Amino acid sequence: VSAADRTDKLVDKITVLALAVVTAAALVVSDLSFVLSFAGATLGNALIYVMPALMFRSMIKKLGDDATAAQKAEVGFAMLSCLLGIIMGGLGAYMSVKSLVE
């Protein structure tokens, strides 16, 4: 949401929606280990693999022509790291949901 469209009313609606989702989940989930394993799988991988790669790519993009050829080539490796992080996060989330069903 752009800064111009970000009104207090919209932020309040998003906050209430987020709290409602969390409250509904708390009413349904009786075992907190699922929540912890799911959050660890998704957020942990995002923090370690995905976000740094995206930040690096953005930094090199902002450098434009000032970026060296080696830095531009390293973006490909960073995106590979990002992709692997997404795959590992997906597998971890799948295993968390699978353990909940069993």
PDB file of N, CA and C in Angstrom:
ATOM      1  N   VAL A   1       0.853  -1.169   0.000  1.00  0.00           N
ATOM      2  CA  VAL A   1       0.000   0.000   0.000  1.00  0.00           C
ATOM      3  C   VAL A   1       0.897   1.229   0.000  1.00  0.00           C
ATOM      4  N   SER A   2       0.656   2.117  -0.930  1.00  0.00           N
ATOM      5  CA  SER A   2       1.482   3.318  -1.027  1.00  0.00           C
ATOM      6  C   SER A   2       1.228   4.222   0.171  1.00  0.00           C
ATOM      7  N   ALA A   3       2.177   5.088   0.447  1.00  0.00           N
ATOM      8  CA  ALA A   3       2.078   5.987   1.592  1.00  0.00           C
ATOM      9  C   ALA A   3       0.863   6.894   1.477  1.00  0.00           C
ATOM     10  N   ALA A   4       0.514   7.286   0.276  1.00  0.00           N
ATOM     11  CA  ALA A   4      -0.642   8.170   0.086  1.00  0.00           C
ATOM     12  C   ALA A   4      -1.951   7.462   0.413  1.00  0.00           C
ATOM     13  N   ASP A   5      -2.022   6.169   0.124  1.00  0.00           N
ATOM     14  CA  ASP A   5      -3.244   5.394   0.381  1.00  0.00           C
ATOM     15  C   ASP A   5      -3.298   4.829   1.790  1.00  0.00           C
ATOM     16  N   ARG A   6      -2.237   4.953   2.542  1.00  0.00           N
ATOM     17  CA  ARG A   6      -2.145   4.359   3.876  1.00  0.00           C
ATOM     18  C   ARG A   6      -2.763   5.299   4.909  1.00  0.00           C
ATOM     19  N   THR A   7      -4.056   5.138   5.131  1.00  0.00           N
ATOM     20  CA  THR A   7      -4.759   5.978   6.089  1.00  0.00           C
ATOM     21  C   THR A   7      -4.853   5.254   7.429  1.00  0.00           C
ATOM     22  N   ASP A   8      -5.175   5.998   8.477  1.00  0.00           N
ATOM     23  CA  ASP A   8      -5.348   5.387   9.793  1.00  0.00           C
ATOM     24  C   ASP A   8      -6.464   4.356   9.777  1.00  0.00           C
ATOM     25  N   LYS A   9      -7.522   4.644   9.035  1.00  0.00           N
ATOM     26  CA  LYS A   9      -8.655   3.719   8.947  1.00  0.00           C
ATOM     27  C   LYS A   9      -8.233   2.391   8.324  1.00  0.00           C
ATOM     28  N   LEU A  10      -7.430   2.445   7.271  1.00  0.00           N
ATOM     29  CA  LEU A  10      -6.956   1.222   6.611  1.00  0.00           C
ATOM     30  C   LEU A  10      -6.025   0.430   7.528  1.00  0.00           C
ATOM     31  N   VAL A  11      -5.129   1.118   8.200  1.00  0.00           N
ATOM     32  CA  VAL A  11      -4.210   0.453   9.132  1.00  0.00           C
ATOM     33  C   VAL A  11      -4.988  -0.205  10.265  1.00  0.00           C
ATOM     34  N   ASP A  12      -6.015   0.466  10.763  1.00  0.00           N
ATOM     35  CA  ASP A  12      -6.853  -0.115  11.817  1.00  0.00           C
ATOM     36  C   ASP A  12      -7.560  -1.379  11.334  1.00  0.00           C
ATOM     37  N   LYS A  13      -8.070  -1.348  10.107  1.00  0.00           N
ATOM     38  CA  LYS A  13      -8.750  -2.528   9.550  1.00  0.00           C
ATOM     39  C   LYS A  13      -7.781  -3.702   9.417  1.00  0.00           C
ATOM     40  N   ILE A  14      -6.580  -3.428   8.943  1.00  0.00           N
ATOM     41  CA  ILE A  14      -5.582  -4.489   8.786  1.00  0.00           C
ATOM     42  C   ILE A  14      -5.186  -5.053  10.145  1.00  0.00           C
ATOM     43  N   THR A  15      -5.050  -4.175  11.140  1.00  0.00           N
ATOM     44  CA  THR A  15      -4.697  -4.622  12.489  1.00  0.00           C
ATOM     45  C   THR A  15      -5.786  -5.511  13.074  1.00  0.00           C
ATOM     46  N   VAL A  16      -7.040  -5.102  12.941  1.00  0.00           N
ATOM     47  CA  VAL A  16      -8.152  -5.898  13.463  1.00  0.00           C
ATOM     48  C   VAL A  16      -8.221  -7.243  12.744  1.00  0.00           C
ATOM     49  N   LEU A  17      -8.005  -7.249  11.434  1.00  0.00           N
ATOM     50  CA  LEU A  17      -8.022  -8.501  10.674  1.00  0.00           C
ATOM     51  C   LEU A  17      -6.904  -9.433  11.141  1.00  0.00           C
ATOM     52  N   ALA A  18      -5.707  -8.889  11.327  1.00  0.00           N
ATOM     53  CA  ALA A  18      -4.583  -9.715  11.785  1.00  0.00           C
ATOM     54  C   ALA A  18      -4.865 -10.291  13.179  1.00  0.00           C
ATOM     55  N   LEU A  19      -5.392  -9.476  14.075  1.00  0.00           N
ATOM     56  CA  LEU A  19      -5.729  -9.970  15.418  1.00  0.00           C
ATOM     57  C   LEU A  19      -6.834 -11.016  15.372  1.00  0.00           C
ATOM     58  N   ALA A  20      -7.806 -10.846  14.479  1.00  0.00           N
ATOM     59  CA  ALA A  20      -8.881 -11.822  14.344  1.00  0.00           C
ATOM     60  C   ALA A  20      -8.344 -13.161  13.844  1.00  0.00           C
ATOM     61  N   VAL A  21      -7.437 -13.119  12.880  1.00  0.00           N
ATOM     62  CA  VAL A  21      -6.842 -14.359  12.364  1.00  0.00           C
ATOM     63  C   VAL A  21      -6.040 -15.063  13.452  1.00  0.00           C
ATOM     64  N   VAL A  22      -5.247 -14.318  14.201  1.00  0.00           N
ATOM     65  CA  VAL A  22      -4.440 -14.905  15.270  1.00  0.00           C
ATOM     66  C   VAL A  22      -5.343 -15.474  16.364  1.00  0.00           C
ATOM     67  N   THR A  23      -6.393 -14.760  16.713  1.00  0.00           N
ATOM     68  CA  THR A  23      -7.324 -15.242  17.741  1.00  0.00           C
ATOM     69  C   THR A  23      -8.045 -16.501  17.280  1.00  0.00           C
ATOM     70  N   ALA A  24      -8.477 -16.530  16.023  1.00  0.00           N
ATOM     71  CA  ALA A  24      -9.141 -17.719  15.487  1.00  0.00           C
ATOM     72  C   ALA A  24      -8.190 -18.915  15.492  1.00  0.00           C
ATOM     73  N   ALA A  25      -6.943 -18.672  15.126  1.00  0.00           N
ATOM     74  CA  ALA A  25      -5.958 -19.754  15.145  1.00  0.00           C
ATOM     75  C   ALA A  25      -5.733 -20.243  16.567  1.00  0.00           C
ATOM     76  N   ALA A  26      -5.698 -19.336  17.527  1.00  0.00           N
ATOM     77  CA  ALA A  26      -5.493 -19.724  18.929  1.00  0.00           C
ATOM     78  C   ALA A  26      -6.659 -20.557  19.449  1.00  0.00           C
ATOM     79  N   LEU A  27      -7.848 -20.304  18.950  1.00  0.00           N
ATOM     80  CA  LEU A  27      -9.007 -21.088  19.368  1.00  0.00           C
ATOM     81  C   LEU A  27      -8.985 -22.494  18.795  1.00  0.00           C
ATOM     82  N   VAL A  28      -8.405 -22.656  17.628  1.00  0.00           N
ATOM     83  CA  VAL A  28      -8.400 -23.946  16.939  1.00  0.00           C
ATOM     84  C   VAL A  28      -7.194 -24.791  17.325  1.00  0.00           C
ATOM     85  N   VAL A  29      -6.019 -24.183  17.406  1.00  0.00           N
ATOM     86  CA  VAL A  29      -4.785 -24.923  17.640  1.00  0.00           C
ATOM     87  C   VAL A  29      -4.589 -25.115  19.140  1.00  0.00           C
ATOM     88  N   SER A  30      -4.563 -26.373  19.547  1.00  0.00           N
ATOM     89  CA  SER A  30      -4.367 -26.655  20.973  1.00  0.00           C
ATOM     90  C   SER A  30      -2.908 -26.989  21.285  1.00  0.00           C
ATOM     91  N   ASP A  31      -2.141 -27.338  20.257  1.00  0.00           N
ATOM     92  CA  ASP A  31      -0.741 -27.697  20.450  1.00  0.00           C
ATOM     93  C   ASP A  31       0.135 -26.621  19.819  1.00  0.00           C
ATOM     94  N   LEU A  32       0.876 -25.921  20.628  1.00  0.00           N
ATOM     95  CA  LEU A  32       1.682 -24.803  20.147  1.00  0.00           C
ATOM     96  C   LEU A  32       2.896 -25.253  19.347  1.00  0.00           C
ATOM     97  N   SER A  33       3.262 -26.509  19.437  1.00  0.00           N
ATOM     98  CA  SER A  33       4.437 -26.981  18.706  1.00  0.00           C
ATOM     99  C   SER A  33       4.251 -26.838  17.193  1.00  0.00           C
ATOM    100  N   PHE A  34       3.020 -26.991  16.718  1.00  0.00           N
ATOM    101  CA  PHE A  34       2.770 -26.789  15.285  1.00  0.00           C
ATOM    102  C   PHE A  34       3.059 -25.348  14.885  1.00  0.00           C
ATOM    103  N   VAL A  35       2.558 -24.421  15.661  1.00  0.00           N
ATOM    104  CA  VAL A  35       2.760 -23.001  15.347  1.00  0.00           C
ATOM    105  C   VAL A  35       4.249 -22.676  15.332  1.00  0.00           C
ATOM    106  N   LEU A  36       4.972 -23.190  16.307  1.00  0.00           N
ATOM    107  CA  LEU A  36       6.408 -22.927  16.382  1.00  0.00           C
ATOM    108  C   LEU A  36       7.163 -23.561  15.218  1.00  0.00           C
ATOM    109  N   SER A  37       6.819 -24.785  14.868  1.00  0.00           N
ATOM    110  CA  SER A  37       7.533 -25.444  13.763  1.00  0.00           C
ATOM    111  C   SER A  37       7.198 -24.784  12.425  1.00  0.00           C
ATOM    112  N   PHE A  38       5.949 -24.395  12.236  1.00  0.00           N
ATOM    113  CA  PHE A  38       5.564 -23.741  10.991  1.00  0.00           C
ATOM    114  C   PHE A  38       6.234 -22.374  10.869  1.00  0.00           C
ATOM    115  N   ALA A  39       6.208 -21.611  11.946  1.00  0.00           N
ATOM    116  CA  ALA A  39       6.845 -20.285  11.929  1.00  0.00           C
ATOM    117  C   ALA A  39       8.357 -20.412  11.745  1.00  0.00           C
ATOM    118  N   GLY A  40       8.958 -21.385  12.386  1.00  0.00           N
ATOM    119  CA  GLY A  40      10.393 -21.587  12.229  1.00  0.00           C
ATOM    120  C   GLY A  40      10.760 -21.966  10.808  1.00  0.00           C
ATOM    121  N   ALA A  41       9.947 -22.813  10.209  1.00  0.00           N
ATOM    122  CA  ALA A  41      10.228 -23.248   8.837  1.00  0.00           C
ATOM    123  C   ALA A  41      10.096 -22.100   7.849  1.00  0.00           C
ATOM    124  N   THR A  42       9.059 -21.316   7.987  1.00  0.00           N
ATOM    125  CA  THR A  42       8.818 -20.260   7.015  1.00  0.00           C
ATOM    126  C   THR A  42       9.613 -18.995   7.328  1.00  0.00           C
ATOM    127  N   LEU A  43       9.482 -18.486   8.529  1.00  0.00           N
ATOM    128  CA  LEU A  43      10.141 -17.227   8.874  1.00  0.00           C
ATOM    129  C   LEU A  43      11.649 -17.391   9.012  1.00  0.00           C
ATOM    130  N   GLY A  44      12.092 -18.520   9.533  1.00  0.00           N
ATOM    131  CA  GLY A  44      13.523 -18.759   9.678  1.00  0.00           C
ATOM    132  C   GLY A  44      14.224 -18.795   8.330  1.00  0.00           C
ATOM    133  N   ASN A  45      13.643 -19.530   7.394  1.00  0.00           N
ATOM    134  CA  ASN A  45      14.230 -19.588   6.053  1.00  0.00           C
ATOM    135  C   ASN A  45      14.169 -18.238   5.353  1.00  0.00           C
ATOM    136  N   ALA A  46      13.083 -17.511   5.554  1.00  0.00           N
ATOM    137  CA  ALA A  46      12.979 -16.184   4.941  1.00  0.00           C
ATOM    138  C   ALA A  46      14.057 -15.256   5.493  1.00  0.00           C
ATOM    139  N   LEU A  47      14.289 -15.318   6.792  1.00  0.00           N
ATOM    140  CA  LEU A  47      15.270 -14.437   7.425  1.00  0.00           C
ATOM    141  C   LEU A  47      16.702 -14.796   7.033  1.00  0.00           C
ATOM    142  N   ILE A  48      16.984 -16.068   6.882  1.00  0.00           N
ATOM    143  CA  ILE A  48      18.365 -16.503   6.634  1.00  0.00           C
ATOM    144  C   ILE A  48      18.708 -16.527   5.146  1.00  0.00           C
ATOM    145  N   TYR A  49      17.794 -16.970   4.296  1.00  0.00           N
ATOM    146  CA  TYR A  49      18.117 -17.175   2.891  1.00  0.00           C
ATOM    147  C   TYR A  49      17.465 -16.157   1.944  1.00  0.00           C
ATOM    148  N   VAL A  50      16.200 -15.875   2.143  1.00  0.00           N
ATOM    149  CA  VAL A  50      15.449 -15.100   1.163  1.00  0.00           C
ATOM    150  C   VAL A  50      15.708 -13.596   1.287  1.00  0.00           C
ATOM    151  N   MET A  51      15.511 -13.045   2.461  1.00  0.00           N
ATOM    152  CA  MET A  51      15.620 -11.592   2.628  1.00  0.00           C
ATOM    153  C   MET A  51      17.019 -11.051   2.310  1.00  0.00           C
ATOM    154  N   PRO A  52      18.102 -11.672   2.787  1.00  0.00           N
ATOM    155  CA  PRO A  52      19.420 -11.137   2.419  1.00  0.00           C
ATOM    156  C   PRO A  52      19.669 -11.150   0.909  1.00  0.00           C
ATOM    157  N   ALA A  53      19.211 -12.189   0.234  1.00  0.00           N
ATOM    158  CA  ALA A  53      19.394 -12.265  -1.216  1.00  0.00           C
ATOM    159  C   ALA A  53      18.620 -11.151  -1.924  1.00  0.00           C
ATOM    160  N   LEU A  54      17.406 -10.905  -1.483  1.00  0.00           N
ATOM    161  CA  LEU A  54      16.611  -9.840  -2.089  1.00  0.00           C
ATOM    162  C   LEU A  54      17.203  -8.462  -1.798  1.00  0.00           C
ATOM    163  N   MET A  55      17.723  -8.282  -0.590  1.00  0.00           N
ATOM    164  CA  MET A  55      18.356  -7.004  -0.254  1.00  0.00           C
ATOM    165  C   MET A  55      19.622  -6.792  -1.079  1.00  0.00           C
ATOM    166  N   PHE A  56      20.406  -7.848  -1.265  1.00  0.00           N
ATOM    167  CA  PHE A  56      21.622  -7.738  -2.063  1.00  0.00           C
ATOM    168  C   PHE A  56      21.285  -7.386  -3.510  1.00  0.00           C
ATOM    169  N   ARG A  57      20.277  -8.064  -4.064  1.00  0.00           N
ATOM    170  CA  ARG A  57      19.865  -7.784  -5.438  1.00  0.00           C
ATOM    171  C   ARG A  57      19.409  -6.330  -5.583  1.00  0.00           C
ATOM    172  N   SER A  58      18.654  -5.862  -4.596  1.00  0.00           N
ATOM    173  CA  SER A  58      18.187  -4.481  -4.632  1.00  0.00           C
ATOM    174  C   SER A  58      19.350  -3.501  -4.548  1.00  0.00           C
ATOM    175  N   MET A  59      20.335  -3.807  -3.714  1.00  0.00           N
ATOM    176  CA  MET A  59      21.499  -2.934  -3.573  1.00  0.00           C
ATOM    177  C   MET A  59      22.279  -2.845  -4.888  1.00  0.00           C
ATOM    178  N   ILE A  60      22.493  -3.978  -5.527  1.00  0.00           N
ATOM    179  CA  ILE A  60      23.234  -3.994  -6.794  1.00  0.00           C
ATOM    180  C   ILE A  60      22.436  -3.279  -7.883  1.00  0.00           C
ATOM    181  N   LYS A  61      21.118  -3.454  -7.857  1.00  0.00           N
ATOM    182  CA  LYS A  61      20.269  -2.774  -8.836  1.00  0.00           C
ATOM    183  C   LYS A  61      20.361  -1.257  -8.670  1.00  0.00           C
ATOM    184  N   LYS A  62      20.412  -0.793  -7.427  1.00  0.00           N
ATOM    185  CA  LYS A  62      20.513   0.646  -7.175  1.00  0.00           C
ATOM    186  C   LYS A  62      21.878   1.196  -7.578  1.00  0.00           C
ATOM    187  N   LEU A  63      22.911   0.350  -7.522  1.00  0.00           N
ATOM    188  CA  LEU A  63      24.233   0.798  -7.969  1.00  0.00           C
ATOM    189  C   LEU A  63      24.252   1.065  -9.474  1.00  0.00           C
ATOM    190  N   GLY A  64      23.454   0.319 -10.194  1.00  0.00           N
ATOM    191  CA  GLY A  64      23.367   0.508 -11.640  1.00  0.00           C
ATOM    192  C   GLY A  64      24.688   0.231 -12.326  1.00  0.00           C
ATOM    193  N   ASP A  65      25.186   1.199 -13.078  1.00  0.00           N
ATOM    194  CA  ASP A  65      26.428   1.030 -13.838  1.00  0.00           C
ATOM    195  C   ASP A  65      27.666   1.044 -12.934  1.00  0.00           C
ATOM    196  N   ASP A  66      27.514   1.504 -11.696  1.00  0.00           N
ATOM    197  CA  ASP A  66      28.653   1.517 -10.771  1.00  0.00           C
ATOM    198  C   ASP A  66      28.964   0.125 -10.208  1.00  0.00           C
ATOM    199  N   ALA A  67      28.050  -0.820 -10.358  1.00  0.00           N
ATOM    200  CA  ALA A  67      28.283  -2.183  -9.874  1.00  0.00           C
ATOM    201  C   ALA A  67      29.301  -2.876 -10.770  1.00  0.00           C
ATOM    202  N   THR A  68      30.183  -3.629 -10.148  1.00  0.00           N
ATOM    203  CA  THR A  68      31.189  -4.351 -10.922  1.00  0.00           C
ATOM    204  C   THR A  68      30.560  -5.577 -11.573  1.00  0.00           C
ATOM    205  N   ALA A  69      31.266  -6.146 -12.526  1.00  0.00           N
ATOM    206  CA  ALA A  69      30.777  -7.358 -13.192  1.00  0.00           C
ATOM    207  C   ALA A  69      30.665  -8.509 -12.201  1.00  0.00           C
ATOM    208  N   ALA A  70      31.601  -8.575 -11.252  1.00  0.00           N
ATOM    209  CA  ALA A  70      31.563  -9.636 -10.243  1.00  0.00           C
ATOM    210  C   ALA A  70      30.332  -9.492  -9.350  1.00  0.00           C
ATOM    211  N   GLN A  71      29.996  -8.261  -8.996  1.00  0.00           N
ATOM    212  CA  GLN A  71      28.810  -8.041  -8.169  1.00  0.00           C
ATOM    213  C   GLN A  71      27.544  -8.426  -8.926  1.00  0.00           C
ATOM    214  N   LYS A  72      27.502  -8.076 -10.189  1.00  0.00           N
ATOM    215  CA  LYS A  72      26.330  -8.438 -10.996  1.00  0.00           C
ATOM    216  C   LYS A  72      26.213  -9.947 -11.155  1.00  0.00           C
ATOM    217  N   ALA A  73      27.348 -10.627 -11.288  1.00  0.00           N
ATOM    218  CA  ALA A  73      27.331 -12.086 -11.395  1.00  0.00           C
ATOM    219  C   ALA A  73      26.909 -12.727 -10.074  1.00  0.00           C
ATOM    220  N   GLU A  74      27.283 -12.093  -8.968  1.00  0.00           N
ATOM    221  CA  GLU A  74      26.947 -12.640  -7.651  1.00  0.00           C
ATOM    222  C   GLU A  74      25.450 -12.580  -7.380  1.00  0.00           C
ATOM    223  N   VAL A  75      24.748 -11.697  -8.070  1.00  0.00           N
ATOM    224  CA  VAL A  75      23.292 -11.618  -7.917  1.00  0.00           C
ATOM    225  C   VAL A  75      22.654 -12.958  -8.289  1.00  0.00           C
ATOM    226  N   GLY A  76      23.177 -13.613  -9.306  1.00  0.00           N
ATOM    227  CA  GLY A  76      22.648 -14.927  -9.694  1.00  0.00           C
ATOM    228  C   GLY A  76      22.786 -15.946  -8.578  1.00  0.00           C
ATOM    229  N   PHE A  77      23.928 -15.944  -7.900  1.00  0.00           N
ATOM    230  CA  PHE A  77      24.116 -16.858  -6.775  1.00  0.00           C
ATOM    231  C   PHE A  77      23.191 -16.494  -5.613  1.00  0.00           C
ATOM    232  N   ALA A  78      22.987 -15.196  -5.418  1.00  0.00           N
ATOM    233  CA  ALA A  78      22.084 -14.757  -4.358  1.00  0.00           C
ATOM    234  C   ALA A  78      20.655 -15.214  -4.652  1.00  0.00           C
ATOM    235  N   MET A  79      20.257 -15.134  -5.914  1.00  0.00           N
ATOM    236  CA  MET A  79      18.911 -15.576  -6.281  1.00  0.00           C
ATOM    237  C   MET A  79      18.766 -17.090  -6.162  1.00  0.00           C
ATOM    238  N   LEU A  80      19.857 -17.814  -6.407  1.00  0.00           N
ATOM    239  CA  LEU A  80      19.845 -19.259  -6.183  1.00  0.00           C
ATOM    240  C   LEU A  80      19.639 -19.556  -4.702  1.00  0.00           C
ATOM    241  N   SER A  81      20.325 -18.818  -3.854  1.00  0.00           N
ATOM    242  CA  SER A  81      20.144 -18.952  -2.409  1.00  0.00           C
ATOM    243  C   SER A  81      18.701 -18.648  -2.023  1.00  0.00           C
ATOM    244  N   CYS A  82      18.135 -17.621  -2.639  1.00  0.00           N
ATOM    245  CA  CYS A  82      16.749 -17.243  -2.383  1.00  0.00           C
ATOM    246  C   CYS A  82      15.798 -18.379  -2.772  1.00  0.00           C
ATOM    247  N   LEU A  83      16.015 -18.937  -3.946  1.00  0.00           N
ATOM    248  CA  LEU A  83      15.174 -20.035  -4.422  1.00  0.00           C
ATOM    249  C   LEU A  83      15.278 -21.256  -3.515  1.00  0.00           C
ATOM    250  N   LEU A  84      16.497 -21.594  -3.122  1.00  0.00           N
ATOM    251  CA  LEU A  84      16.681 -22.739  -2.220  1.00  0.00           C
ATOM    252  C   LEU A  84      16.016 -22.483  -0.868  1.00  0.00           C
ATOM    253  N   GLY A  85      16.083 -21.243  -0.391  1.00  0.00           N
ATOM    254  CA  GLY A  85      15.411 -20.891   0.858  1.00  0.00           C
ATOM    255  C   GLY A  85      13.909 -21.043   0.768  1.00  0.00           C
ATOM    256  N   ILE A  86      13.348 -20.646  -0.373  1.00  0.00           N
ATOM    257  CA  ILE A  86      11.904 -20.795  -0.570  1.00  0.00           C
ATOM    258  C   ILE A  86      11.527 -22.273  -0.619  1.00  0.00           C
ATOM    259  N   ILE A  87      12.343 -23.076  -1.301  1.00  0.00           N
ATOM    260  CA  ILE A  87      12.073 -24.513  -1.380  1.00  0.00           C
ATOM    261  C   ILE A  87      12.168 -25.156   0.004  1.00  0.00           C
ATOM    262  N   MET A  88      13.228 -24.833   0.745  1.00  0.00           N
ATOM    263  CA  MET A  88      13.388 -25.411   2.085  1.00  0.00           C
ATOM    264  C   MET A  88      12.282 -24.943   3.023  1.00  0.00           C
ATOM    265  N   GLY A  89      11.876 -23.679   2.906  1.00  0.00           N
ATOM    266  CA  GLY A  89      10.768 -23.184   3.722  1.00  0.00           C
ATOM    267  C   GLY A  89       9.474 -23.894   3.390  1.00  0.00           C
ATOM    268  N   GLY A  90       9.245 -24.118   2.101  1.00  0.00           N
ATOM    269  CA  GLY A  90       8.050 -24.859   1.685  1.00  0.00           C
ATOM    270  C   GLY A  90       8.044 -26.284   2.195  1.00  0.00           C
ATOM    271  N   LEU A  91       9.212 -26.943   2.115  1.00  0.00           N
ATOM    272  CA  LEU A  91       9.311 -28.316   2.640  1.00  0.00           C
ATOM    273  C   LEU A  91       9.099 -28.344   4.147  1.00  0.00           C
ATOM    274  N   GLY A  92       9.678 -27.384   4.834  1.00  0.00           N
ATOM    275  CA  GLY A  92       9.494 -27.315   6.286  1.00  0.00           C
ATOM    276  C   GLY A  92       8.048 -27.061   6.665  1.00  0.00           C
ATOM    277  N   ALA A  93       7.390 -26.170   5.926  1.00  0.00           N
ATOM    278  CA  ALA A  93       5.977 -25.899   6.182  1.00  0.00           C
ATOM    279  C   ALA A  93       5.136 -27.142   5.891  1.00  0.00           C
ATOM    280  N   TYR A  94       5.470 -27.843   4.808  1.00  0.00           N
ATOM    281  CA  TYR A  94       4.764 -29.072   4.470  1.00  0.00           C
ATOM    282  C   TYR A  94       4.910 -30.111   5.585  1.00  0.00           C
ATOM    283  N   MET A  95       6.126 -30.273   6.089  1.00  0.00           N
ATOM    284  CA  MET A  95       6.362 -31.254   7.158  1.00  0.00           C
ATOM    285  C   MET A  95       5.625 -30.849   8.442  1.00  0.00           C
ATOM    286  N   SER A  96       5.538 -29.547   8.706  1.00  0.00           N
ATOM    287  CA  SER A  96       4.799 -29.095   9.886  1.00  0.00           C
ATOM    288  C   SER A  96       3.312 -29.422   9.765  1.00  0.00           C
ATOM    289  N   VAL A  97       2.758 -29.139   8.604  1.00  0.00           N
ATOM    290  CA  VAL A  97       1.327 -29.435   8.383  1.00  0.00           C
ATOM    291  C   VAL A  97       1.102 -30.941   8.393  1.00  0.00           C
ATOM    292  N   LYS A  98       2.024 -31.679   7.811  1.00  0.00           N
ATOM    293  CA  LYS A  98       1.908 -33.137   7.780  1.00  0.00           C
ATOM    294  C   LYS A  98       1.893 -33.711   9.202  1.00  0.00           C
ATOM    295  N   SER A  99       2.742 -33.156  10.077  1.00  0.00           N
ATOM    296  CA  SER A  99       2.778 -33.650  11.452  1.00  0.00           C
ATOM    297  C   SER A  99       1.493 -33.296  12.205  1.00  0.00           C
ATOM    298  N   LEU A 100       0.832 -32.219  11.791  1.00  0.00           N
ATOM    299  CA  LEU A 100      -0.425 -31.832  12.417  1.00  0.00           C
ATOM    300  C   LEU A 100      -1.548 -32.790  12.031  1.00  0.00           C
ATOM    301  N   VAL A 101      -1.524 -33.250  10.784  1.00  0.00           N
ATOM    302  CA  VAL A 101      -2.567 -34.135  10.267  1.00  0.00           C
ATOM    303  C   VAL A 101      -2.440 -35.545  10.855  1.00  0.00           C
ATOM    304  N   GLU A 102      -1.212 -35.977  11.079  1.00  0.00           N
ATOM    305  CA  GLU A 102      -0.991 -37.343  11.565  1.00  0.00           C
ATOM    306  C   GLU A 102      -1.419 -37.541  12.988  1.00  0.00           C
TER     307      GLU A 102
END
